[in-house]
Amino acid sequence: MQKKLTITIDEQVYKGLYQVVGQRHISQFIENLVRPHVLGKDIEAAYQAMAQDDTREAEALEWAENLIGESLDETR
């Protein structure tokens, strides 16, 4: 079950999240960062379990490749 949470962050941090992670992925990004700090100490086992999830790994690879592609398209 998911719960809705309202947080307040600096505007620049929000803009960075929006640009880097994307609007529809911010919640999952934050959850992935926070999860190991609040749900136990066996992080290695959790990461091994995630690595066994082929669908999740394919989505993560696609996201990473798209992120790299977007950064290459940016003008400096």
PDB file of N, CA and C in Angstrom:
ATOM      1  N   MET A   1       0.843  -1.178   0.000  1.00  0.00           N
ATOM      2  CA  MET A   1       0.000   0.000   0.000  1.00  0.00           C
ATOM      3  C   MET A   1       0.889   1.242   0.000  1.00  0.00           C
ATOM      4  N   GLN A   2       0.533   2.185  -0.807  1.00  0.00           N
ATOM      5  CA  GLN A   2       1.279   3.432  -0.865  1.00  0.00           C
ATOM      6  C   GLN A   2       0.562   4.500  -0.059  1.00  0.00           C
ATOM      7  N   LYS A   3       1.336   5.444   0.443  1.00  0.00           N
ATOM      8  CA  LYS A   3       0.817   6.596   1.180  1.00  0.00           C
ATOM      9  C   LYS A   3       1.319   7.858   0.504  1.00  0.00           C
ATOM     10  N   LYS A   4       0.509   8.872   0.504  1.00  0.00           N
ATOM     11  CA  LYS A   4       0.893  10.161  -0.065  1.00  0.00           C
ATOM     12  C   LYS A   4       1.596  10.971   1.016  1.00  0.00           C
ATOM     13  N   LEU A   5       2.674  11.639   0.629  1.00  0.00           N
ATOM     14  CA  LEU A   5       3.475  12.434   1.552  1.00  0.00           C
ATOM     15  C   LEU A   5       3.752  13.783   0.907  1.00  0.00           C
ATOM     16  N   THR A   6       3.554  14.838   1.651  1.00  0.00           N
ATOM     17  CA  THR A   6       3.874  16.169   1.164  1.00  0.00           C
ATOM     18  C   THR A   6       5.151  16.626   1.844  1.00  0.00           C
ATOM     19  N   ILE A   7       6.142  17.028   1.048  1.00  0.00           N
ATOM     20  CA  ILE A   7       7.395  17.529   1.604  1.00  0.00           C
ATOM     21  C   ILE A   7       7.677  18.906   1.013  1.00  0.00           C
ATOM     22  N   THR A   8       8.520  19.636   1.689  1.00  0.00           N
ATOM     23  CA  THR A   8       8.927  20.954   1.214  1.00  0.00           C
ATOM     24  C   THR A   8      10.427  20.924   0.961  1.00  0.00           C
ATOM     25  N   ILE A   9      10.833  21.325  -0.239  1.00  0.00           N
ATOM     26  CA  ILE A   9      12.247  21.369  -0.583  1.00  0.00           C
ATOM     27  C   ILE A   9      12.553  22.679  -1.281  1.00  0.00           C
ATOM     28  N   ASP A  10      13.823  22.990  -1.340  1.00  0.00           N
ATOM     29  CA  ASP A  10      14.296  24.190  -2.006  1.00  0.00           C
ATOM     30  C   ASP A  10      13.909  24.158  -3.488  1.00  0.00           C
ATOM     31  N   GLU A  11      13.574  25.305  -4.036  1.00  0.00           N
ATOM     32  CA  GLU A  11      13.128  25.385  -5.422  1.00  0.00           C
ATOM     33  C   GLU A  11      14.179  24.872  -6.397  1.00  0.00           C
ATOM     34  N   GLN A  12      15.449  25.169  -6.142  1.00  0.00           N
ATOM     35  CA  GLN A  12      16.509  24.697  -7.032  1.00  0.00           C
ATOM     36  C   GLN A  12      16.614  23.169  -6.990  1.00  0.00           C
ATOM     37  N   VAL A  13      16.431  22.588  -5.815  1.00  0.00           N
ATOM     38  CA  VAL A  13      16.468  21.133  -5.691  1.00  0.00           C
ATOM     39  C   VAL A  13      15.311  20.534  -6.487  1.00  0.00           C
ATOM     40  N   TYR A  14      14.133  21.121  -6.380  1.00  0.00           N
ATOM     41  CA  TYR A  14      12.977  20.631  -7.129  1.00  0.00           C
ATOM     42  C   TYR A  14      13.238  20.705  -8.633  1.00  0.00           C
ATOM     43  N   LYS A  15      13.756  21.830  -9.085  1.00  0.00           N
ATOM     44  CA  LYS A  15      14.037  21.976 -10.516  1.00  0.00           C
ATOM     45  C   LYS A  15      15.054  20.940 -10.974  1.00  0.00           C
ATOM     46  N   GLY A  16      16.056  20.681 -10.143  1.00  0.00           N
ATOM     47  CA  GLY A  16      17.054  19.670 -10.479  1.00  0.00           C
ATOM     48  C   GLY A  16      16.438  18.289 -10.560  1.00  0.00           C
ATOM     49  N   LEU A  17      15.583  17.944  -9.603  1.00  0.00           N
ATOM     50  CA  LEU A  17      14.893  16.654  -9.638  1.00  0.00           C
ATOM     51  C   LEU A  17      14.049  16.547 -10.902  1.00  0.00           C
ATOM     52  N   TYR A  18      13.327  17.587 -11.204  1.00  0.00           N
ATOM     53  CA  TYR A  18      12.448  17.597 -12.369  1.00  0.00           C
ATOM     54  C   TYR A  18      13.249  17.385 -13.655  1.00  0.00           C
ATOM     55  N   GLN A  19      14.404  18.061 -13.757  1.00  0.00           N
ATOM     56  CA  GLN A  19      15.230  17.955 -14.957  1.00  0.00           C
ATOM     57  C   GLN A  19      15.917  16.596 -15.060  1.00  0.00           C
ATOM     58  N   VAL A  20      16.484  16.117 -13.965  1.00  0.00           N
ATOM     59  CA  VAL A  20      17.289  14.898 -13.992  1.00  0.00           C
ATOM     60  C   VAL A  20      16.434  13.636 -13.956  1.00  0.00           C
ATOM     61  N   VAL A  21      15.441  13.619 -13.068  1.00  0.00           N
ATOM     62  CA  VAL A  21      14.661  12.409 -12.842  1.00  0.00           C
ATOM     63  C   VAL A  21      13.390  12.388 -13.678  1.00  0.00           C
ATOM     64  N   GLY A  22      12.792  13.537 -13.878  1.00  0.00           N
ATOM     65  CA  GLY A  22      11.540  13.613 -14.623  1.00  0.00           C
ATOM     66  C   GLY A  22      10.346  13.674 -13.681  1.00  0.00           C
ATOM     67  N   GLN A  23       9.313  14.357 -14.088  1.00  0.00           N
ATOM     68  CA  GLN A  23       8.161  14.646 -13.242  1.00  0.00           C
ATOM     69  C   GLN A  23       7.517  13.380 -12.687  1.00  0.00           C
ATOM     70  N   ARG A  24       7.343  12.377 -13.483  1.00  0.00           N
ATOM     71  CA  ARG A  24       6.623  11.179 -13.045  1.00  0.00           C
ATOM     72  C   ARG A  24       7.498  10.165 -12.321  1.00  0.00           C
ATOM     73  N   HIS A  25       8.745  10.514 -12.075  1.00  0.00           N
ATOM     74  CA  HIS A  25       9.655   9.561 -11.439  1.00  0.00           C
ATOM     75  C   HIS A  25      10.242  10.073 -10.125  1.00  0.00           C
ATOM     76  N   ILE A  26       9.892  11.262  -9.706  1.00  0.00           N
ATOM     77  CA  ILE A  26      10.475  11.857  -8.504  1.00  0.00           C
ATOM     78  C   ILE A  26      10.150  11.032  -7.262  1.00  0.00           C
ATOM     79  N   SER A  27       8.906  10.619  -7.098  1.00  0.00           N
ATOM     80  CA  SER A  27       8.524   9.856  -5.905  1.00  0.00           C
ATOM     81  C   SER A  27       9.333   8.570  -5.789  1.00  0.00           C
ATOM     82  N   GLN A  28       9.447   7.835  -6.881  1.00  0.00           N
ATOM     83  CA  GLN A  28      10.190   6.568  -6.858  1.00  0.00           C
ATOM     84  C   GLN A  28      11.668   6.815  -6.588  1.00  0.00           C
ATOM     85  N   PHE A  29      12.216   7.878  -7.157  1.00  0.00           N
ATOM     86  CA  PHE A  29      13.621   8.228  -6.945  1.00  0.00           C
ATOM     87  C   PHE A  29      13.877   8.497  -5.462  1.00  0.00           C
ATOM     88  N   ILE A  30      13.018   9.308  -4.847  1.00  0.00           N
ATOM     89  CA  ILE A  30      13.180   9.623  -3.431  1.00  0.00           C
ATOM     90  C   ILE A  30      12.986   8.374  -2.576  1.00  0.00           C
ATOM     91  N   GLU A  31      11.985   7.562  -2.905  1.00  0.00           N
ATOM     92  CA  GLU A  31      11.764   6.334  -2.144  1.00  0.00           C
ATOM     93  C   GLU A  31      12.981   5.418  -2.203  1.00  0.00           C
ATOM     94  N   ASN A  32      13.573   5.275  -3.376  1.00  0.00           N
ATOM     95  CA  ASN A  32      14.757   4.423  -3.506  1.00  0.00           C
ATOM     96  C   ASN A  32      15.931   4.945  -2.683  1.00  0.00           C
ATOM     97  N   LEU A  33      16.047   6.254  -2.558  1.00  0.00           N
ATOM     98  CA  LEU A  33      17.120   6.831  -1.746  1.00  0.00           C
ATOM     99  C   LEU A  33      16.872   6.627  -0.255  1.00  0.00           C
ATOM    100  N   VAL A  34      15.629   6.757   0.165  1.00  0.00           N
ATOM    101  CA  VAL A  34      15.291   6.713   1.585  1.00  0.00           C
ATOM    102  C   VAL A  34      15.168   5.282   2.110  1.00  0.00           C
ATOM    103  N   ARG A  35      14.667   4.387   1.295  1.00  0.00           N
ATOM    104  CA  ARG A  35      14.365   3.009   1.719  1.00  0.00           C
ATOM    105  C   ARG A  35      15.474   2.342   2.540  1.00  0.00           C
ATOM    106  N   PRO A  36      16.727   2.337   2.086  1.00  0.00           N
ATOM    107  CA  PRO A  36      17.751   1.632   2.861  1.00  0.00           C
ATOM    108  C   PRO A  36      17.992   2.224   4.247  1.00  0.00           C
ATOM    109  N   HIS A  37      17.650   3.491   4.419  1.00  0.00           N
ATOM    110  CA  HIS A  37      17.886   4.158   5.698  1.00  0.00           C
ATOM    111  C   HIS A  37      16.794   3.873   6.724  1.00  0.00           C
ATOM    112  N   VAL A  38      15.659   3.402   6.258  1.00  0.00           N
ATOM    113  CA  VAL A  38      14.539   3.230   7.192  1.00  0.00           C
ATOM    114  C   VAL A  38      14.010   1.800   7.282  1.00  0.00           C
ATOM    115  N   LEU A  39      14.436   0.906   6.378  1.00  0.00           N
ATOM    116  CA  LEU A  39      13.855  -0.430   6.369  1.00  0.00           C
ATOM    117  C   LEU A  39      14.831  -1.548   6.699  1.00  0.00           C
ATOM    118  N   GLY A  40      15.907  -1.266   7.301  1.00  0.00           N
ATOM    119  CA  GLY A  40      16.777  -2.354   7.706  1.00  0.00           C
ATOM    120  C   GLY A  40      18.182  -2.229   7.174  1.00  0.00           C
ATOM    121  N   LYS A  41      19.011  -3.146   7.644  1.00  0.00           N
ATOM    122  CA  LYS A  41      20.436  -3.049   7.378  1.00  0.00           C
ATOM    123  C   LYS A  41      20.930  -4.035   6.338  1.00  0.00           C
ATOM    124  N   ASP A  42      20.083  -4.941   5.866  1.00  0.00           N
ATOM    125  CA  ASP A  42      20.530  -5.931   4.903  1.00  0.00           C
ATOM    126  C   ASP A  42      20.376  -5.394   3.482  1.00  0.00           C
ATOM    127  N   ILE A  43      21.071  -4.308   3.208  1.00  0.00           N
ATOM    128  CA  ILE A  43      20.960  -3.627   1.926  1.00  0.00           C
ATOM    129  C   ILE A  43      21.502  -4.500   0.797  1.00  0.00           C
ATOM    130  N   GLU A  44      22.596  -5.190   1.052  1.00  0.00           N
ATOM    131  CA  GLU A  44      23.195  -6.009   0.002  1.00  0.00           C
ATOM    132  C   GLU A  44      22.214  -7.065  -0.509  1.00  0.00           C
ATOM    133  N   ALA A  45      21.513  -7.721   0.395  1.00  0.00           N
ATOM    134  CA  ALA A  45      20.529  -8.732  -0.010  1.00  0.00           C
ATOM    135  C   ALA A  45      19.398  -8.089  -0.818  1.00  0.00           C
ATOM    136  N   ALA A  46      18.996  -6.900  -0.417  1.00  0.00           N
ATOM    137  CA  ALA A  46      17.927  -6.205  -1.135  1.00  0.00           C
ATOM    138  C   ALA A  46      18.374  -5.845  -2.553  1.00  0.00           C
ATOM    139  N   TYR A  47      19.607  -5.357  -2.687  1.00  0.00           N
ATOM    140  CA  TYR A  47      20.108  -5.025  -4.019  1.00  0.00           C
ATOM    141  C   TYR A  47      20.269  -6.276  -4.880  1.00  0.00           C
ATOM    142  N   GLN A  48      20.687  -7.380  -4.289  1.00  0.00           N
ATOM    143  CA  GLN A  48      20.789  -8.630  -5.048  1.00  0.00           C
ATOM    144  C   GLN A  48      19.410  -9.071  -5.536  1.00  0.00           C
ATOM    145  N   ALA A  49      18.414  -8.926  -4.684  1.00  0.00           N
ATOM    146  CA  ALA A  49      17.048  -9.288  -5.081  1.00  0.00           C
ATOM    147  C   ALA A  49      16.563  -8.388  -6.218  1.00  0.00           C
ATOM    148  N   MET A  50      16.870  -7.092  -6.131  1.00  0.00           N
ATOM    149  CA  MET A  50      16.470  -6.176  -7.194  1.00  0.00           C
ATOM    150  C   MET A  50      17.171  -6.538  -8.501  1.00  0.00           C
ATOM    151  N   ALA A  51      18.444  -6.941  -8.413  1.00  0.00           N
ATOM    152  CA  ALA A  51      19.200  -7.291  -9.616  1.00  0.00           C
ATOM    153  C   ALA A  51      18.624  -8.532 -10.292  1.00  0.00           C
ATOM    154  N   GLN A  52      17.949  -9.377  -9.549  1.00  0.00           N
ATOM    155  CA  GLN A  52      17.334 -10.579 -10.108  1.00  0.00           C
ATOM    156  C   GLN A  52      16.041 -10.267 -10.862  1.00  0.00           C
ATOM    157  N   ASP A  53      15.499  -9.083 -10.651  1.00  0.00           N
ATOM    158  CA  ASP A  53      14.251  -8.669 -11.297  1.00  0.00           C
ATOM    159  C   ASP A  53      14.581  -8.131 -12.692  1.00  0.00           C
ATOM    160  N   ASP A  54      14.422  -8.988 -13.696  1.00  0.00           N
ATOM    161  CA  ASP A  54      14.804  -8.619 -15.063  1.00  0.00           C
ATOM    162  C   ASP A  54      14.035  -7.413 -15.597  1.00  0.00           C
ATOM    163  N   THR A  55      12.750  -7.311 -15.262  1.00  0.00           N
ATOM    164  CA  THR A  55      11.947  -6.182 -15.737  1.00  0.00           C
ATOM    165  C   THR A  55      12.472  -4.881 -15.149  1.00  0.00           C
ATOM    166  N   ARG A  56      12.736  -4.883 -13.839  1.00  0.00           N
ATOM    167  CA  ARG A  56      13.254  -3.682 -13.179  1.00  0.00           C
ATOM    168  C   ARG A  56      14.622  -3.298 -13.739  1.00  0.00           C
ATOM    169  N   GLU A  57      15.475  -4.281 -13.959  1.00  0.00           N
ATOM    170  CA  GLU A  57      16.797  -4.013 -14.503  1.00  0.00           C
ATOM    171  C   GLU A  57      16.705  -3.433 -15.915  1.00  0.00           C
ATOM    172  N   ALA A  58      15.801  -3.958 -16.740  1.00  0.00           N
ATOM    173  CA  ALA A  58      15.622  -3.436 -18.097  1.00  0.00           C
ATOM    174  C   ALA A  58      15.129  -1.995 -18.061  1.00  0.00           C
ATOM    175  N   GLU A  59      14.192  -1.701 -17.154  1.00  0.00           N
ATOM    176  CA  GLU A  59      13.693  -0.330 -17.015  1.00  0.00           C
ATOM    177  C   GLU A  59      14.797   0.603 -16.533  1.00  0.00           C
ATOM    178  N   ALA A  60      15.616   0.138 -15.598  1.00  0.00           N
ATOM    179  CA  ALA A  60      16.710   0.966 -15.084  1.00  0.00           C
ATOM    180  C   ALA A  60      17.735   1.244 -16.183  1.00  0.00           C
ATOM    181  N   LEU A  61      18.046   0.237 -16.984  1.00  0.00           N
ATOM    182  CA  LEU A  61      18.988   0.418 -18.083  1.00  0.00           C
ATOM    183  C   LEU A  61      18.441   1.399 -19.111  1.00  0.00           C
ATOM    184  N   GLU A  62      17.170   1.260 -19.445  1.00  0.00           N
ATOM    185  CA  GLU A  62      16.543   2.176 -20.401  1.00  0.00           C
ATOM    186  C   GLU A  62      16.576   3.608 -19.872  1.00  0.00           C
ATOM    187  N   TRP A  63      16.248   3.781 -18.586  1.00  0.00           N
ATOM    188  CA  TRP A  63      16.262   5.110 -17.974  1.00  0.00           C
ATOM    189  C   TRP A  63      17.667   5.701 -18.040  1.00  0.00           C
ATOM    190  N   ALA A  64      18.677   4.903 -17.670  1.00  0.00           N
ATOM    191  CA  ALA A  64      20.053   5.391 -17.657  1.00  0.00           C
ATOM    192  C   ALA A  64      20.512   5.771 -19.062  1.00  0.00           C
ATOM    193  N   GLU A  65      20.184   4.946 -20.044  1.00  0.00           N
ATOM    194  CA  GLU A  65      20.583   5.243 -21.426  1.00  0.00           C
ATOM    195  C   GLU A  65      19.903   6.507 -21.938  1.00  0.00           C
ATOM    196  N   ASN A  66      18.630   6.691 -21.594  1.00  0.00           N
ATOM    197  CA  ASN A  66      17.927   7.910 -21.998  1.00  0.00           C
ATOM    198  C   ASN A  66      18.518   9.132 -21.333  1.00  0.00           C
ATOM    199  N   LEU A  67      18.903   8.997 -20.072  1.00  0.00           N
ATOM    200  CA  LEU A  67      19.498  10.113 -19.340  1.00  0.00           C
ATOM    201  C   LEU A  67      20.822  10.514 -19.978  1.00  0.00           C
ATOM    202  N   ILE A  68      21.628   9.536 -20.334  1.00  0.00           N
ATOM    203  CA  ILE A  68      22.912   9.824 -20.992  1.00  0.00           C
ATOM    204  C   ILE A  68      22.661  10.492 -22.342  1.00  0.00           C
ATOM    205  N   GLY A  69      21.694   9.979 -23.085  1.00  0.00           N
ATOM    206  CA  GLY A  69      21.375  10.581 -24.385  1.00  0.00           C
ATOM    207  C   GLY A  69      20.935  12.021 -24.258  1.00  0.00           C
ATOM    208  N   GLU A  70      20.131  12.312 -23.239  1.00  0.00           N
ATOM    209  CA  GLU A  70      19.682  13.687 -23.029  1.00  0.00           C
ATOM    210  C   GLU A  70      20.837  14.602 -22.682  1.00  0.00           C
ATOM    211  N   SER A  71      21.786  14.120 -21.888  1.00  0.00           N
ATOM    212  CA  SER A  71      22.905  14.969 -21.510  1.00  0.00           C
ATOM    213  C   SER A  71      23.835  15.232 -22.690  1.00  0.00           C
ATOM    214  N   LEU A  72      23.911  14.290 -23.620  1.00  0.00           N
ATOM    215  CA  LEU A  72      24.735  14.499 -24.808  1.00  0.00           C
ATOM    216  C   LEU A  72      24.120  15.528 -25.752  1.00  0.00           C
ATOM    217  N   ASP A  73      22.778  15.657 -25.706  1.00  0.00           N
ATOM    218  CA  ASP A  73      22.078  16.597 -26.570  1.00  0.00           C
ATOM    219  C   ASP A  73      22.141  18.033 -26.063  1.00  0.00           C
ATOM    220  N   GLU A  74      22.508  18.212 -24.783  1.00  0.00           N
ATOM    221  CA  GLU A  74      22.523  19.552 -24.202  1.00  0.00           C
ATOM    222  C   GLU A  74      23.633  20.388 -24.816  1.00  0.00           C
ATOM    223  N   THR A  75      23.342  21.661 -25.022  1.00  0.00           N
ATOM    224  CA  THR A  75      24.375  22.581 -25.475  1.00  0.00           C
ATOM    225  C   THR A  75      25.079  23.134 -24.257  1.00  0.00           C
ATOM    226  N   ARG A  76      26.330  23.365 -24.387  1.00  0.00           N
ATOM    227  CA  ARG A  76      27.120  23.844 -23.243  1.00  0.00           C
ATOM    228  C   ARG A  76      27.468  25.286 -23.404  1.00  0.00           C
TER     229      ARG A  76
END
